[in-house]
C-alpha atoms as a PDB file:
ATOM      1  CA  MET A   1     -13.634  -0.115  17.738  1.00  0.00           C
ATOM      2  CA  VAL A   2     -10.359   1.456  16.597  1.00  0.00           C
ATOM      3  CA  THR A   3      -9.038   4.608  18.267  1.00  0.00           C
ATOM      4  CA  MET A   4      -6.047   6.693  17.188  1.00  0.00           C
ATOM      5  CA  GLU A   5      -4.634   9.374  19.449  1.00  0.00           C
ATOM      6  CA  PRO A   6      -1.570  11.572  19.702  1.00  0.00           C
ATOM      7  CA  ILE A   7       0.952  10.387  22.300  1.00  0.00           C
ATOM      8  CA  ALA A   8       3.571  12.772  23.680  1.00  0.00           C
ATOM      9  CA  VAL A   9       7.021  11.283  24.259  1.00  0.00           C
ATOM     10  CA  GLY A  10       9.509  13.935  25.237  1.00  0.00           C
ATOM     11  CA  GLU A  11       8.956  16.777  22.791  1.00  0.00           C
ATOM     12  CA  HIS A  12       7.648  14.450  20.091  1.00  0.00           C
ATOM     13  CA  ILE A  13       4.066  13.567  19.161  1.00  0.00           C
ATOM     14  CA  LEU A  14       3.625   9.938  18.104  1.00  0.00           C
ATOM     15  CA  VAL A  15       0.637   7.885  16.979  1.00  0.00           C
ATOM     16  CA  GLY A  16      -1.112   5.639  19.497  1.00  0.00           C
ATOM     17  CA  VAL A  17      -3.578   3.025  18.240  1.00  0.00           C
ATOM     18  CA  GLU A  18      -6.011   1.026  20.348  1.00  0.00           C
ATOM     19  CA  VAL A  19      -8.044  -1.780  18.764  1.00  0.00           C
ATOM     20  CA  LYS A  20     -10.792  -3.196  20.985  1.00  0.00           C
ATOM     21  CA  LEU A  21     -11.496  -6.825  20.130  1.00  0.00           C
ATOM     22  CA  PRO A  22     -13.602  -9.407  21.949  1.00  0.00           C
ATOM     23  CA  LYS A  23     -11.837 -10.196  25.238  1.00  0.00           C
ATOM     24  CA  THR A  24      -8.647  -8.276  24.353  1.00  0.00           C
ATOM     25  CA  THR A  25      -7.288  -4.915  23.272  1.00  0.00           C
ATOM     26  CA  LEU A  26      -4.387  -4.428  20.859  1.00  0.00           C
ATOM     27  CA  LEU A  27      -2.136  -1.456  21.621  1.00  0.00           C
ATOM     28  CA  SER A  28       0.646   0.155  19.597  1.00  0.00           C
ATOM     29  CA  ILE A  29       2.587   3.397  19.528  1.00  0.00           C
ATOM     30  CA  SER A  30       4.627   4.162  16.426  1.00  0.00           C
ATOM     31  CA  THR A  31       7.312   6.453  15.083  1.00  0.00           C
ATOM     32  CA  SER A  32       8.304   6.827  11.431  1.00  0.00           C
ATOM     33  CA  LYS A  33      10.929   4.067  11.938  1.00  0.00           C
ATOM     34  CA  GLY A  34       9.392   1.562  14.331  1.00  0.00           C
ATOM     35  CA  TYR A  35       6.845   0.767  17.015  1.00  0.00           C
ATOM     36  CA  ILE A  36       6.132  -0.758  20.379  1.00  0.00           C
ATOM     37  CA  MET A  37       3.176  -3.029  20.921  1.00  0.00           C
ATOM     38  CA  CYS A  38       1.356  -5.094  23.513  1.00  0.00           C
ATOM     39  CA  GLY A  39       1.901  -8.807  24.043  1.00  0.00           C
ATOM     40  CA  ALA A  40       0.131  -9.697  20.781  1.00  0.00           C
ATOM     41  CA  LEU A  41       3.294  -8.808  18.842  1.00  0.00           C
ATOM     42  CA  ASP A  42       5.185 -11.903  17.663  1.00  0.00           C
ATOM     43  CA  VAL A  43       8.824 -10.788  17.855  1.00  0.00           C
ATOM     44  CA  GLY A  44      10.025 -14.263  16.842  1.00  0.00           C
ATOM     45  CA  LEU A  45       8.043 -14.070  13.604  1.00  0.00           C
ATOM     46  CA  LEU A  46       9.504 -10.642  12.827  1.00  0.00           C
ATOM     47  CA  ASN A  47      13.065 -11.819  13.550  1.00  0.00           C
ATOM     48  CA  GLU A  48      12.812 -15.105  11.674  1.00  0.00           C
ATOM     49  CA  THR A  49      10.144 -15.322   8.977  1.00  0.00           C
ATOM     50  CA  LEU A  50      10.081 -11.593   8.175  1.00  0.00           C
ATOM     51  CA  SER A  51      13.759 -10.840   8.848  1.00  0.00           C
ATOM     52  CA  ASP A  52      14.267  -9.514   5.315  1.00  0.00           C
ATOM     53  CA  ARG A  53      11.985  -6.575   6.181  1.00  0.00           C
ATOM     54  CA  GLY A  54      14.245  -5.283   8.965  1.00  0.00           C
ATOM     55  CA  ILE A  55      11.330  -4.373  11.230  1.00  0.00           C
ATOM     56  CA  ILE A  56      12.111  -2.179  14.237  1.00  0.00           C
ATOM     57  CA  ALA A  57       9.695  -3.195  16.995  1.00  0.00           C
ATOM     58  CA  ALA A  58       9.433  -4.102  20.653  1.00  0.00           C
ATOM     59  CA  ARG A  59       6.915  -5.871  22.870  1.00  0.00           C
ATOM     60  CA  ALA A  60       5.616  -5.192  26.375  1.00  0.00           C
ATOM     61  CA  VAL A  61       3.354  -7.722  28.099  1.00  0.00           C
ATOM     62  CA  GLY A  62       0.571  -7.249  30.618  1.00  0.00           C
ATOM     63  CA  VAL A  63      -0.406  -3.760  29.448  1.00  0.00           C
ATOM     64  CA  ARG A  64      -4.009  -2.650  28.974  1.00  0.00           C
ATOM     65  CA  THR A  65      -3.684   1.051  28.126  1.00  0.00           C
ATOM     66  CA  LEU A  66      -1.420   3.249  26.025  1.00  0.00           C
ATOM     67  CA  PRO A  67       0.046   4.972  29.122  1.00  0.00           C
ATOM     68  CA  GLN A  68       0.894   1.528  30.526  1.00  0.00           C
ATOM     69  CA  LEU A  69       2.563   0.618  27.218  1.00  0.00           C
ATOM     70  CA  LEU A  70       4.783   3.714  27.514  1.00  0.00           C
ATOM     71  CA  ALA A  71       5.763   2.950  31.105  1.00  0.00           C
ATOM     72  CA  ALA A  72       6.124  -0.842  30.948  1.00  0.00           C
ATOM     73  CA  PRO A  73       9.486  -2.584  30.652  1.00  0.00           C
ATOM     74  CA  LEU A  74       9.964  -4.214  27.270  1.00  0.00           C
ATOM     75  CA  GLU A  75       9.869  -8.000  27.297  1.00  0.00           C
ATOM     76  CA  SER A  76      11.437  -8.561  23.856  1.00  0.00           C
ATOM     77  CA  VAL A  77      12.766  -6.574  20.893  1.00  0.00           C
ATOM     78  CA  THR A  78      13.518  -7.303  17.252  1.00  0.00           C
ATOM     79  CA  ILE A  79      17.088  -7.639  16.023  1.00  0.00           C
ATOM     80  CA  GLU A  80      16.753  -4.338  14.159  1.00  0.00           C
ATOM     81  CA  ALA A  81      15.502  -2.553  17.283  1.00  0.00           C
ATOM     82  CA  GLY A  82      18.492  -3.941  19.159  1.00  0.00           C
ATOM     83  CA  ARG A  83      20.795  -2.350  16.579  1.00  0.00           C
ATOM     84  CA  LEU A  84      19.353   1.024  17.605  1.00  0.00           C
ATOM     85  CA  GLY A  85      20.106   0.325  21.277  1.00  0.00           C
ATOM     86  CA  VAL A  86      16.627  -0.861  22.258  1.00  0.00           C
ATOM     87  CA  VAL A  87      16.940  -3.621  24.865  1.00  0.00           C
ATOM     88  CA  PRO A  88      14.548  -5.680  26.995  1.00  0.00           C
ATOM     89  CA  GLY A  89      13.876  -4.007  30.328  1.00  0.00           C
ATOM     90  CA  MET A  90      13.877  -0.411  29.085  1.00  0.00           C
ATOM     91  CA  THR A  91      10.537   1.381  29.099  1.00  0.00           C
ATOM     92  CA  GLY A  92       8.411   1.778  26.017  1.00  0.00           C
ATOM     93  CA  ALA A  93       8.997   5.537  26.091  1.00  0.00           C
ATOM     94  CA  GLU A  94      12.786   5.071  26.172  1.00  0.00           C
ATOM     95  CA  ALA A  95      12.580   2.705  23.207  1.00  0.00           C
ATOM     96  CA  LEU A  96      10.414   5.085  21.185  1.00  0.00           C
ATOM     97  CA  LEU A  97      12.931   7.897  21.640  1.00  0.00           C
ATOM     98  CA  LEU A  98      15.589   5.633  20.121  1.00  0.00           C
ATOM     99  CA  MET A  99      13.241   4.849  17.223  1.00  0.00           C
ATOM    100  CA  LEU A 100      12.906   8.494  16.163  1.00  0.00           C
END
């Protein structure tokens, strides 16, 4: 099952997506520029193989809900996200505000 829901971050409304798969759930919250995602995101692939796309994204591990994704410290970020000031250790919500 796929669920989309509005997610408030500061005064902004973003798009949260939850995809329930067998034995796992994929989570993402996106802005018009970039997104944060659960541990399924392959930051290395985005930085290396897909570097020409300039993808702004960050990954948090060990999260199971969209609120957890907002609150969790980021484990890794793409090069392009880093250029916006997104760094590992900041919360998902902090990163999303920089991606607006």
